[in-house]
Amino acid sequence: MLHPSYADLMNTVNSQVEEGETPIVNSRYSIVMATAKRARQLIDGDESFVKTDGKKPLSTAVEELDKGTIQILND
């Protein structure tokens, strides 16, 4: 099971959105795409923003998103 949950990640990402504005993330798909893209960046050599301790790139990307060290930007 993925910890944190998709719902928790969506709440974290959308926490900066004012009431009445369009949320940044509307679906699990958006979370999956964002974390996969960040994991590819980590694989390509980008520096991690959290302590990794040998974690896999996808786990690191999820933790970064959950802690708010990375953000999802709208197009």
N, C-alpha and C. Protein backbone atom coordinates (compact mmCIF):
# COMPACT_ATOMS: atom_id res chain seq x y z
N MET A 1 0.85 -1.18 0.00
CA MET A 1 0.00 0.00 0.00
C MET A 1 0.89 1.24 0.00
N LEU A 2 0.48 2.22 -0.75
CA LEU A 2 1.23 3.46 -0.87
C LEU A 2 0.90 4.38 0.29
N HIS A 3 1.94 4.82 0.97
CA HIS A 3 1.77 5.78 2.06
C HIS A 3 2.58 7.00 1.74
N PRO A 4 2.07 8.15 1.68
CA PRO A 4 0.70 8.55 1.96
C PRO A 4 -0.24 8.14 0.84
N SER A 5 -1.52 8.21 1.11
CA SER A 5 -2.51 7.82 0.11
C SER A 5 -2.63 8.88 -0.98
N TYR A 6 -3.28 8.50 -2.08
CA TYR A 6 -3.51 9.46 -3.16
C TYR A 6 -4.29 10.66 -2.66
N ALA A 7 -5.29 10.40 -1.82
CA ALA A 7 -6.11 11.49 -1.29
C ALA A 7 -5.27 12.47 -0.47
N ASP A 8 -4.36 11.93 0.35
CA ASP A 8 -3.48 12.79 1.15
C ASP A 8 -2.58 13.62 0.24
N LEU A 9 -2.03 13.01 -0.79
CA LEU A 9 -1.17 13.75 -1.73
C LEU A 9 -1.94 14.84 -2.45
N MET A 10 -3.17 14.53 -2.86
CA MET A 10 -3.99 15.53 -3.54
C MET A 10 -4.29 16.70 -2.61
N ASN A 11 -4.57 16.41 -1.34
CA ASN A 11 -4.82 17.48 -0.37
C ASN A 11 -3.58 18.34 -0.15
N THR A 12 -2.41 17.71 -0.10
CA THR A 12 -1.16 18.44 0.08
C THR A 12 -0.91 19.37 -1.10
N VAL A 13 -1.06 18.86 -2.30
CA VAL A 13 -0.81 19.65 -3.51
C VAL A 13 -1.81 20.80 -3.62
N ASN A 14 -3.05 20.54 -3.30
CA ASN A 14 -4.10 21.55 -3.44
C ASN A 14 -4.23 22.46 -2.22
N SER A 15 -3.39 22.30 -1.22
CA SER A 15 -3.52 23.09 0.00
C SER A 15 -3.26 24.58 -0.22
N GLN A 16 -2.53 24.95 -1.25
CA GLN A 16 -2.22 26.35 -1.52
C GLN A 16 -3.29 27.04 -2.37
N VAL A 17 -4.27 26.29 -2.83
CA VAL A 17 -5.31 26.84 -3.70
C VAL A 17 -6.39 27.51 -2.85
N GLU A 18 -6.73 28.73 -3.21
CA GLU A 18 -7.79 29.46 -2.51
C GLU A 18 -9.14 28.84 -2.84
N GLU A 19 -10.09 28.98 -1.93
CA GLU A 19 -11.42 28.45 -2.15
C GLU A 19 -12.06 29.13 -3.36
N GLY A 20 -12.66 28.33 -4.23
CA GLY A 20 -13.28 28.85 -5.43
C GLY A 20 -12.39 28.77 -6.66
N GLU A 21 -11.07 28.62 -6.47
CA GLU A 21 -10.15 28.47 -7.59
C GLU A 21 -10.12 27.01 -8.05
N THR A 22 -9.64 26.80 -9.25
CA THR A 22 -9.52 25.46 -9.78
C THR A 22 -8.37 24.73 -9.08
N PRO A 23 -8.62 23.51 -8.58
CA PRO A 23 -7.54 22.77 -7.92
C PRO A 23 -6.43 22.43 -8.90
N ILE A 24 -5.22 22.32 -8.39
CA ILE A 24 -4.07 21.97 -9.23
C ILE A 24 -4.20 20.53 -9.69
N VAL A 25 -4.62 19.66 -8.80
CA VAL A 25 -4.74 18.23 -9.10
C VAL A 25 -6.18 17.81 -8.91
N ASN A 26 -6.73 17.14 -9.93
CA ASN A 26 -8.11 16.68 -9.86
C ASN A 26 -8.24 15.16 -9.81
N SER A 27 -7.15 14.44 -10.06
CA SER A 27 -7.26 12.99 -10.17
C SER A 27 -5.97 12.30 -9.75
N ARG A 28 -6.08 11.00 -9.55
CA ARG A 28 -4.92 10.18 -9.26
C ARG A 28 -3.92 10.23 -10.41
N TYR A 29 -4.44 10.29 -11.62
CA TYR A 29 -3.59 10.32 -12.80
C TYR A 29 -2.58 11.47 -12.72
N SER A 30 -3.01 12.62 -12.29
CA SER A 30 -2.11 13.78 -12.17
C SER A 30 -1.00 13.52 -11.17
N ILE A 31 -1.34 12.88 -10.05
CA ILE A 31 -0.34 12.53 -9.04
C ILE A 31 0.65 11.52 -9.60
N VAL A 32 0.15 10.52 -10.28
CA VAL A 32 1.01 9.48 -10.85
C VAL A 32 1.95 10.07 -11.88
N MET A 33 1.43 10.92 -12.76
CA MET A 33 2.28 11.53 -13.79
C MET A 33 3.35 12.43 -13.18
N ALA A 34 2.99 13.21 -12.17
CA ALA A 34 3.95 14.11 -11.54
C ALA A 34 5.06 13.35 -10.82
N THR A 35 4.68 12.31 -10.09
CA THR A 35 5.71 11.55 -9.37
C THR A 35 6.57 10.74 -10.32
N ALA A 36 5.99 10.24 -11.40
CA ALA A 36 6.79 9.50 -12.39
C ALA A 36 7.79 10.43 -13.07
N LYS A 37 7.36 11.64 -13.40
CA LYS A 37 8.27 12.60 -14.02
C LYS A 37 9.41 12.96 -13.07
N ARG A 38 9.07 13.17 -11.80
CA ARG A 38 10.12 13.50 -10.82
C ARG A 38 11.07 12.32 -10.61
N ALA A 39 10.54 11.10 -10.61
CA ALA A 39 11.38 9.91 -10.47
C ALA A 39 12.36 9.82 -11.64
N ARG A 40 11.91 10.13 -12.86
CA ARG A 40 12.81 10.12 -14.02
C ARG A 40 13.90 11.17 -13.87
N GLN A 41 13.55 12.33 -13.31
CA GLN A 41 14.56 13.36 -13.07
C GLN A 41 15.60 12.88 -12.07
N LEU A 42 15.16 12.19 -11.03
CA LEU A 42 16.09 11.66 -10.04
C LEU A 42 17.00 10.59 -10.65
N ILE A 43 16.44 9.75 -11.49
CA ILE A 43 17.23 8.71 -12.17
C ILE A 43 18.28 9.36 -13.06
N ASP A 44 17.92 10.47 -13.68
CA ASP A 44 18.84 11.18 -14.58
C ASP A 44 19.89 11.99 -13.83
N GLY A 45 19.84 11.98 -12.49
CA GLY A 45 20.91 12.61 -11.73
C GLY A 45 20.54 13.86 -10.95
N ASP A 46 19.28 14.29 -10.98
CA ASP A 46 18.88 15.45 -10.19
C ASP A 46 19.04 15.15 -8.70
N GLU A 47 19.32 16.18 -7.94
CA GLU A 47 19.52 16.06 -6.50
C GLU A 47 18.16 15.89 -5.80
N SER A 48 18.11 15.00 -4.84
CA SER A 48 16.90 14.79 -4.06
C SER A 48 16.78 15.90 -3.01
N PHE A 49 15.55 16.29 -2.69
CA PHE A 49 15.29 17.32 -1.69
C PHE A 49 14.98 16.75 -0.32
N VAL A 50 14.96 15.42 -0.21
CA VAL A 50 14.73 14.75 1.07
C VAL A 50 15.82 13.70 1.27
N LYS A 51 15.99 13.27 2.49
CA LYS A 51 16.96 12.23 2.79
C LYS A 51 16.47 10.91 2.19
N THR A 52 17.30 10.27 1.37
CA THR A 52 16.84 9.11 0.63
C THR A 52 17.13 7.78 1.30
N ASP A 53 18.27 7.60 1.89
CA ASP A 53 18.64 6.33 2.54
C ASP A 53 18.42 5.12 1.63
N GLY A 54 18.79 5.25 0.36
CA GLY A 54 18.70 4.12 -0.56
C GLY A 54 17.31 3.82 -1.08
N LYS A 55 16.38 4.76 -0.90
CA LYS A 55 15.03 4.54 -1.41
C LYS A 55 15.03 4.55 -2.93
N LYS A 56 14.04 3.92 -3.50
CA LYS A 56 13.87 3.94 -4.95
C LYS A 56 13.42 5.34 -5.37
N PRO A 57 13.73 5.73 -6.61
CA PRO A 57 13.38 7.08 -7.07
C PRO A 57 11.90 7.43 -6.94
N LEU A 58 11.01 6.48 -7.19
CA LEU A 58 9.59 6.78 -7.09
C LEU A 58 9.18 7.05 -5.64
N SER A 59 9.71 6.28 -4.72
CA SER A 59 9.43 6.52 -3.30
C SER A 59 9.93 7.88 -2.86
N THR A 60 11.10 8.25 -3.36
CA THR A 60 11.67 9.56 -3.05
C THR A 60 10.78 10.66 -3.61
N ALA A 61 10.30 10.50 -4.84
CA ALA A 61 9.43 11.50 -5.47
C ALA A 61 8.12 11.66 -4.69
N VAL A 62 7.54 10.56 -4.24
CA VAL A 62 6.30 10.63 -3.46
C VAL A 62 6.55 11.36 -2.15
N GLU A 63 7.67 11.06 -1.49
CA GLU A 63 7.99 11.73 -0.23
C GLU A 63 8.22 13.23 -0.44
N GLU A 64 8.90 13.58 -1.53
CA GLU A 64 9.12 15.00 -1.83
C GLU A 64 7.80 15.73 -2.04
N LEU A 65 6.90 15.11 -2.76
CA LEU A 65 5.59 15.72 -3.01
C LEU A 65 4.80 15.85 -1.71
N ASP A 66 4.84 14.82 -0.88
CA ASP A 66 4.11 14.84 0.38
C ASP A 66 4.64 15.91 1.33
N LYS A 67 5.94 16.12 1.35
CA LYS A 67 6.54 17.11 2.24
C LYS A 67 6.48 18.53 1.66
N GLY A 68 6.05 18.65 0.41
CA GLY A 68 5.92 19.97 -0.19
C GLY A 68 7.23 20.55 -0.71
N THR A 69 8.26 19.72 -0.86
CA THR A 69 9.53 20.23 -1.37
C THR A 69 9.53 20.36 -2.88
N ILE A 70 8.55 19.73 -3.53
CA ILE A 70 8.34 19.94 -4.97
C ILE A 70 6.88 20.31 -5.16
N GLN A 71 6.58 20.99 -6.26
CA GLN A 71 5.22 21.40 -6.54
C GLN A 71 4.83 20.98 -7.94
N ILE A 72 3.56 20.75 -8.14
CA ILE A 72 3.01 20.49 -9.47
C ILE A 72 2.52 21.81 -10.01
N LEU A 73 2.97 22.15 -11.21
CA LEU A 73 2.54 23.40 -11.81
C LEU A 73 1.54 23.12 -12.92
N ASN A 74 0.53 23.98 -13.02
CA ASN A 74 -0.43 23.88 -14.12
C ASN A 74 0.22 24.40 -15.39
N ASP A 75 -0.25 23.90 -16.52
CA ASP A 75 0.27 24.35 -17.81
C ASP A 75 -0.18 25.76 -18.12
